[in-house]
């Protein structure tokens, strides 16, 4: 430490001696040269800063007009490299938000079109029945009016539930419930359909198995899948319901003996308003989308696959 101090003092003494003995003209010349160099450096730096700021502004302007491009040539060392990276991340986020907004707008337009189409049929039927209503056909027309009204009410409820799925506003109140009880409660509304088609139910569900879900919501998902499996099951065939359980996941599988789903339809089965080649003409195309959305909100996943037995829907609920 003392040695370094002595060196510093020696340098200071040498500089003072040189300044006191050098010719004043030389000193002035040195000072002028230093000032010129400093001014030149300041001008060069200012121009460099101006160019880099102009490039950054051009990137932002391009991002605003949807012409974003990452200028790798601007990504050198220093402060401007960080600025360029920050602009790049901002541009990427802006592009992603713009794409999400456009996708949501397209989905909304498509959804409104489909909803209007689905509502138009029962409304038109009710209007026609009302115009043709006479004392002679009152009982028949009343029954049909009630059926169309029930269909309309069910469609509205399904659309409201789909909106809750899309906006992630489903209830997150979960509780432990018996899988056997949950599956049976979902199957009960479909017993008339099952009876009409003379379907047998192969029940392979242990009574002690439980899952943690929102019972009311998850029942809606199960009802929609049971309905699809039953509608596409051949008359006098068997629908199999089984489960598996391990420390990571509980699975609920519903298998019918119906025809395989077309390969072109499989990737789109859970898309809203999608109707495959085997869809019922009166099918709206939102039941399986609702089931998939509810399952996802329950920390699970719904899948469908063609199997040797038929078509299998599998709920995977992760613990």
Protein backbone atom coordinates (compact mmCIF):
# COMPACT_ATOMS: atom_id res chain seq x y z
CA UNK A 1 0.00 0.00 0.00
CA UNK A 2 2.81 2.41 0.95
CA UNK A 3 4.70 1.51 -2.26
CA UNK A 4 1.69 2.36 -4.44
CA UNK A 5 1.32 5.72 -2.69
CA UNK A 6 4.99 6.57 -3.31
CA UNK A 7 4.60 5.73 -7.01
CA UNK A 8 1.51 7.98 -7.26
CA UNK A 9 3.35 10.89 -5.56
CA UNK A 10 6.33 10.43 -7.88
CA UNK A 11 4.09 10.60 -10.95
CA UNK A 12 2.37 13.73 -9.65
CA UNK A 13 5.77 15.38 -9.01
CA UNK A 14 6.98 14.51 -12.52
CA UNK A 15 3.78 15.97 -14.10
CA UNK A 16 4.11 19.21 -12.08
CA UNK A 17 7.77 19.56 -13.08
CA UNK A 18 6.87 19.04 -16.76
CA UNK A 19 4.05 21.61 -16.64
CA UNK A 20 6.27 24.25 -15.02
CA UNK A 21 9.16 23.77 -17.47
CA UNK A 22 7.40 23.18 -20.80
CA UNK A 23 7.02 26.07 -23.25
CA UNK A 24 3.66 27.82 -22.93
CA UNK A 25 3.01 27.48 -26.68
CA UNK A 26 3.43 23.74 -26.57
CA UNK A 27 1.07 23.54 -23.63
CA UNK A 28 -1.57 25.59 -25.43
CA UNK A 29 -1.19 23.42 -28.53
CA UNK A 30 -1.64 20.27 -26.46
CA UNK A 31 -4.73 21.72 -24.79
CA UNK A 32 -6.22 22.75 -28.16
CA UNK A 33 -5.53 19.29 -29.62
CA UNK A 34 -7.15 17.66 -26.60
CA UNK A 35 -10.19 19.92 -26.94
CA UNK A 36 -10.50 19.12 -30.66
CA UNK A 37 -10.22 15.39 -29.99
CA UNK A 38 -12.78 15.63 -27.20
CA UNK A 39 -15.16 17.60 -29.40
CA UNK A 40 -14.72 15.12 -32.25
CA UNK A 41 -15.39 12.22 -29.93
CA UNK A 42 -18.51 13.98 -28.57
CA UNK A 43 -19.81 14.59 -32.12
CA UNK A 44 -19.12 10.97 -33.11
CA UNK A 45 -20.84 9.66 -29.98
CA UNK A 46 -23.85 11.96 -30.49
CA UNK A 47 -24.24 10.80 -34.09
CA UNK A 48 -23.92 7.17 -33.01
CA UNK A 49 -26.54 7.63 -30.28
CA UNK A 50 -28.82 9.43 -32.71
CA UNK A 51 -28.55 6.63 -35.29
CA UNK A 52 -29.20 3.92 -32.71
CA UNK A 53 -32.18 5.79 -31.28
CA UNK A 54 -33.53 6.30 -34.80
CA UNK A 55 -33.14 2.55 -35.47
CA UNK A 56 -34.93 1.73 -32.23
CA UNK A 57 -37.72 4.14 -33.12
CA UNK A 58 -38.00 2.52 -36.56
CA UNK A 59 -38.36 -0.89 -34.91
CA UNK A 60 -41.13 0.39 -32.66
CA UNK A 61 -42.89 2.06 -35.59
CA UNK A 62 -42.67 -1.17 -37.60
CA UNK A 63 -44.11 -3.11 -34.64
CA UNK A 64 -47.05 -0.70 -34.42
CA UNK A 65 -47.84 -1.29 -38.11
CA UNK A 66 -47.35 -5.05 -37.94
CA UNK A 67 -44.01 -5.10 -39.77
CA UNK A 68 -41.81 -6.09 -36.86
CA UNK A 69 -38.35 -7.43 -37.62
CA UNK A 70 -35.52 -8.26 -35.24
CA UNK A 71 -32.44 -6.29 -36.38
CA UNK A 72 -29.59 -8.56 -35.26
CA UNK A 73 -27.06 -6.03 -36.58
CA UNK A 74 -28.04 -3.66 -33.76
CA UNK A 75 -27.29 -6.26 -31.12
CA UNK A 76 -23.69 -5.33 -30.23
CA UNK A 77 -22.16 -4.81 -26.82
CA UNK A 78 -23.30 -2.16 -24.40
CA UNK A 79 -26.39 -0.26 -23.37
CA UNK A 80 -27.96 -0.25 -26.84
CA UNK A 81 -27.75 -4.01 -27.02
CA UNK A 82 -29.94 -4.18 -23.91
CA UNK A 83 -32.32 -1.61 -25.42
CA UNK A 84 -32.55 -3.61 -28.65
CA UNK A 85 -33.27 -6.79 -26.70
CA UNK A 86 -35.98 -5.07 -24.69
CA UNK A 87 -37.56 -3.74 -27.88
CA UNK A 88 -37.41 -7.23 -29.37
CA UNK A 89 -39.22 -8.72 -26.36
CA UNK A 90 -41.79 -5.93 -26.48
CA UNK A 91 -42.36 -6.54 -30.20
CA UNK A 92 -42.76 -10.30 -29.66
CA UNK A 93 -45.28 -9.72 -26.86
CA UNK A 94 -47.16 -7.21 -29.01
CA UNK A 95 -47.29 -9.64 -31.93
CA UNK A 96 -48.51 -12.42 -29.64
CA UNK A 97 -51.22 -10.20 -28.15
CA UNK A 98 -52.27 -9.07 -31.62
CA UNK A 99 -52.49 -12.69 -32.79
CA UNK A 100 -54.47 -13.67 -29.67
CA UNK A 101 -56.82 -10.74 -30.19
CA UNK A 102 -57.39 -11.66 -33.84
CA UNK A 103 -57.98 -15.31 -32.93
CA UNK A 104 -60.47 -14.32 -30.22
CA UNK A 105 -62.22 -12.00 -32.66
CA UNK A 106 -62.46 -14.80 -35.23
CA UNK A 107 -63.73 -17.23 -32.59
CA UNK A 108 -66.31 -14.69 -31.44
CA UNK A 109 -67.52 -14.11 -34.99
CA UNK A 110 -67.73 -17.83 -35.61
CA UNK A 111 -69.45 -18.44 -32.28
CA UNK A 112 -72.06 -15.74 -32.90
CA UNK A 113 -72.77 -17.21 -36.35
CA UNK A 114 -73.18 -20.73 -34.96
CA UNK A 115 -75.28 -19.55 -32.01
CA UNK A 116 -77.59 -17.61 -34.31
CA UNK A 117 -77.94 -20.66 -36.55
CA UNK A 118 -78.68 -23.01 -33.65
CA UNK A 119 -81.21 -20.66 -32.07
CA UNK A 120 -82.94 -19.98 -35.37
CA UNK A 121 -84.25 -23.55 -35.79
CA UNK A 122 -86.21 -23.94 -32.51
CA UNK A 123 -87.40 -20.34 -32.65
CA UNK A 124 -88.70 -20.82 -36.21
CA UNK A 125 -90.35 -24.11 -35.22
CA UNK A 126 -92.09 -22.48 -32.25
CA UNK A 127 -93.25 -19.61 -34.47
CA UNK A 128 -94.66 -22.00 -37.09
CA UNK A 129 -96.42 -24.13 -34.51
CA UNK A 130 -97.94 -21.03 -32.93
CA UNK A 131 -99.32 -19.90 -36.31
CA UNK A 132 -100.75 -23.34 -37.07
CA UNK A 133 -102.20 -23.88 -33.61
CA UNK A 134 -105.90 -24.79 -33.73
CA UNK A 135 -108.30 -26.41 -31.25
CA UNK A 136 -108.08 -29.64 -33.27
CA UNK A 137 -104.29 -29.98 -32.97
CA UNK A 138 -103.85 -28.19 -29.64
CA UNK A 139 -102.59 -31.19 -27.69
CA UNK A 140 -100.09 -32.28 -30.36
CA UNK A 141 -98.87 -28.73 -30.98
CA UNK A 142 -98.55 -28.09 -27.26
CA UNK A 143 -96.36 -31.18 -26.82
CA UNK A 144 -94.13 -30.11 -29.72
CA UNK A 145 -93.97 -26.55 -28.41
CA UNK A 146 -92.88 -27.82 -25.02
CA UNK A 147 -90.22 -30.03 -26.65
CA UNK A 148 -88.83 -27.16 -28.71
CA UNK A 149 -88.92 -24.87 -25.68
CA UNK A 150 -86.97 -27.45 -23.65
CA UNK A 151 -84.46 -27.77 -26.48
CA UNK A 152 -84.09 -24.00 -26.62
CA UNK A 153 -83.61 -23.75 -22.85
CA UNK A 154 -81.02 -26.54 -22.88
CA UNK A 155 -79.17 -24.87 -25.74
CA UNK A 156 -79.04 -21.55 -23.86
CA UNK A 157 -77.73 -23.28 -20.72
CA UNK A 158 -75.04 -25.05 -22.77
CA UNK A 159 -74.01 -21.78 -24.42
CA UNK A 160 -73.76 -20.05 -21.05
CA UNK A 161 -71.63 -22.91 -19.72
CA UNK A 162 -69.43 -22.73 -22.82
CA UNK A 163 -68.97 -18.99 -22.23
CA UNK A 164 -67.87 -19.72 -18.66
CA UNK A 165 -65.39 -22.28 -19.99
CA UNK A 166 -63.99 -19.77 -22.50
CA UNK A 167 -63.66 -16.99 -19.91
CA UNK A 168 -62.17 -19.30 -17.23
CA UNK A 169 -64.91 -18.36 -14.76
CA UNK A 170 -65.91 -21.90 -13.76
CA UNK A 171 -66.24 -22.49 -10.05
CA UNK A 172 -63.08 -23.85 -8.44
CA UNK A 173 -64.85 -25.17 -5.34
CA UNK A 174 -63.74 -28.81 -5.20
CA UNK A 175 -64.51 -31.63 -2.84
CA UNK A 176 -63.81 -35.32 -2.55
CA UNK A 177 -66.57 -37.43 -4.05
CA UNK A 178 -67.08 -41.08 -4.84
CA UNK A 179 -66.35 -41.85 -8.50
CA UNK A 180 -69.05 -44.52 -8.47
CA UNK A 181 -71.63 -42.02 -7.22
CA UNK A 182 -70.49 -39.30 -9.63
CA UNK A 183 -70.63 -41.57 -12.69
CA UNK A 184 -74.05 -42.97 -11.76
CA UNK A 185 -75.50 -39.48 -11.25
CA UNK A 186 -74.23 -38.51 -14.73
CA UNK A 187 -75.69 -41.67 -16.29
CA UNK A 188 -79.17 -41.30 -14.78
CA UNK A 189 -80.49 -38.60 -17.19
CA UNK A 190 -79.54 -40.85 -20.12
CA UNK A 191 -81.35 -43.97 -18.93
CA UNK A 192 -84.30 -43.43 -21.35
CA UNK A 193 -81.85 -43.29 -24.30
CA UNK A 194 -79.95 -46.32 -23.01
CA UNK A 195 -83.20 -48.23 -22.55
CA UNK A 196 -84.52 -47.28 -25.99
CA UNK A 197 -81.35 -48.62 -27.65
CA UNK A 198 -81.23 -51.65 -25.33
CA UNK A 199 -77.65 -50.87 -24.30
CA UNK A 200 -75.87 -52.93 -21.66
CA UNK A 201 -73.58 -51.15 -19.17
CA UNK A 202 -70.41 -53.00 -18.14
CA UNK A 203 -69.68 -51.28 -14.82
CA UNK A 204 -66.07 -51.68 -13.60
CA UNK A 205 -65.91 -48.94 -10.98
CA UNK A 206 -64.77 -49.64 -7.39
CA UNK A 207 -67.02 -48.09 -4.77
CA UNK A 208 -64.13 -46.83 -2.61
CA UNK A 209 -62.43 -44.74 -5.34
CA UNK A 210 -62.75 -40.95 -4.91
CA UNK A 211 -61.67 -37.86 -6.87
CA UNK A 212 -61.43 -34.18 -5.93
CA UNK A 213 -63.54 -32.12 -8.34
CA UNK A 214 -66.46 -29.72 -8.45
CA UNK A 215 -69.25 -32.37 -8.51
CA UNK A 216 -71.89 -30.31 -10.31
CA UNK A 217 -69.54 -29.13 -13.04
CA UNK A 218 -67.76 -32.44 -13.58
CA UNK A 219 -71.13 -34.18 -13.76
CA UNK A 220 -71.94 -31.94 -16.76
CA UNK A 221 -68.73 -33.10 -18.45
CA UNK A 222 -69.59 -36.75 -17.80
CA UNK A 223 -73.17 -36.33 -19.02
CA UNK A 224 -71.95 -34.89 -22.34
CA UNK A 225 -69.48 -37.75 -22.86
CA UNK A 226 -72.00 -40.42 -21.81
CA UNK A 227 -74.52 -38.88 -24.20
CA UNK A 228 -72.06 -38.96 -27.09
CA UNK A 229 -71.00 -42.54 -26.34
CA UNK A 230 -74.62 -43.71 -26.07
CA UNK A 231 -75.80 -41.94 -29.22
CA UNK A 232 -73.04 -43.50 -31.32
CA UNK A 233 -73.31 -46.97 -29.77
CA UNK A 234 -75.12 -49.56 -31.93
CA UNK A 235 -78.42 -50.87 -30.58
CA UNK A 236 -78.11 -53.91 -28.28
CA UNK A 237 -74.37 -53.23 -27.75
CA UNK A 238 -72.37 -52.63 -24.56
CA UNK A 239 -70.97 -49.43 -23.07
CA UNK A 240 -68.04 -50.12 -20.74
CA UNK A 241 -67.16 -47.84 -17.82
CA UNK A 242 -63.90 -48.52 -15.99
CA UNK A 243 -61.35 -46.68 -13.90
CA UNK A 244 -57.69 -46.88 -12.93
CA UNK A 245 -55.88 -45.21 -10.08
CA UNK A 246 -52.25 -44.60 -9.13
CA UNK A 247 -50.38 -42.01 -7.01
CA UNK A 248 -50.24 -39.56 -9.93
CA UNK A 249 -53.56 -39.79 -11.77
CA UNK A 250 -57.06 -41.23 -11.67
CA UNK A 251 -58.56 -42.17 -15.03
CA UNK A 252 -62.21 -42.70 -15.97
CA UNK A 253 -62.78 -44.44 -19.30
CA UNK A 254 -66.06 -44.72 -21.22
CA UNK A 255 -66.00 -47.07 -24.21
CA UNK A 256 -68.76 -47.85 -26.70
CA UNK A 257 -68.78 -50.41 -29.50
CA UNK A 258 -69.61 -47.87 -32.15
CA UNK A 259 -67.81 -47.17 -35.44
CA UNK A 260 -64.34 -45.63 -35.35
CA UNK A 261 -64.09 -41.86 -35.53
CA UNK A 262 -62.72 -40.71 -38.89
CA UNK A 263 -59.03 -39.81 -38.80
CA UNK A 264 -59.85 -36.35 -40.17
CA UNK A 265 -62.29 -35.73 -37.30
CA UNK A 266 -60.16 -36.96 -34.37
CA UNK A 267 -58.00 -33.79 -33.97
CA UNK A 268 -61.12 -31.60 -33.91
CA UNK A 269 -63.48 -33.62 -31.70
CA UNK A 270 -63.19 -31.20 -28.76
CA UNK A 271 -63.42 -28.00 -30.81
CA UNK A 272 -66.53 -25.91 -30.20
CA UNK A 273 -69.24 -26.16 -32.89
CA UNK A 274 -67.32 -28.90 -34.70
CA UNK A 275 -69.51 -31.55 -36.27
CA UNK A 276 -67.86 -34.68 -37.61
CA UNK A 277 -68.96 -36.98 -40.38
CA UNK A 278 -71.01 -39.11 -37.97
CA UNK A 279 -72.66 -36.21 -36.12
CA UNK A 280 -76.40 -36.14 -35.54
CA UNK A 281 -78.06 -33.43 -37.69
CA UNK A 282 -79.47 -31.88 -34.51
CA UNK A 283 -76.10 -31.90 -32.76
CA UNK A 284 -74.91 -28.40 -31.85
CA UNK A 285 -71.28 -29.39 -31.50
CA UNK A 286 -70.50 -27.90 -28.10
CA UNK A 287 -71.04 -30.80 -25.68
CA UNK A 288 -67.57 -32.31 -25.99
CA UNK A 289 -65.96 -28.85 -26.04
CA UNK A 290 -67.66 -28.12 -22.71
CA UNK A 291 -66.56 -31.51 -21.32
CA UNK A 292 -62.93 -30.84 -22.32
CA UNK A 293 -63.00 -27.32 -20.84
CA UNK A 294 -64.46 -28.50 -17.52
CA UNK A 295 -61.90 -31.32 -17.34
CA UNK A 296 -59.05 -28.89 -17.95
CA UNK A 297 -60.41 -26.58 -15.24
CA UNK A 298 -60.41 -29.63 -12.94
CA UNK A 299 -56.64 -30.09 -13.47
CA UNK A 300 -57.23 -32.92 -15.90
CA UNK A 301 -57.36 -33.86 -19.55
CA UNK A 302 -60.01 -35.45 -21.75
CA UNK A 303 -58.89 -37.62 -24.67
CA UNK A 304 -60.58 -39.78 -27.28
CA UNK A 305 -59.16 -42.71 -29.23
CA UNK A 306 -60.28 -45.48 -31.53
CA UNK A 307 -59.65 -48.83 -29.85
CA UNK A 308 -60.20 -52.49 -30.66
CA UNK A 309 -63.39 -52.37 -28.58
CA UNK A 310 -64.75 -49.22 -30.22
CA UNK A 311 -64.31 -45.57 -29.23
CA UNK A 312 -62.90 -44.69 -25.80
CA UNK A 313 -63.16 -41.35 -23.99
CA UNK A 314 -60.65 -41.08 -21.15
CA UNK A 315 -60.73 -38.53 -18.32
CA UNK A 316 -57.31 -38.15 -16.67
CA UNK A 317 -57.51 -36.33 -13.33
CA UNK A 318 -54.09 -35.46 -11.93
CA UNK A 319 -53.55 -35.40 -8.19
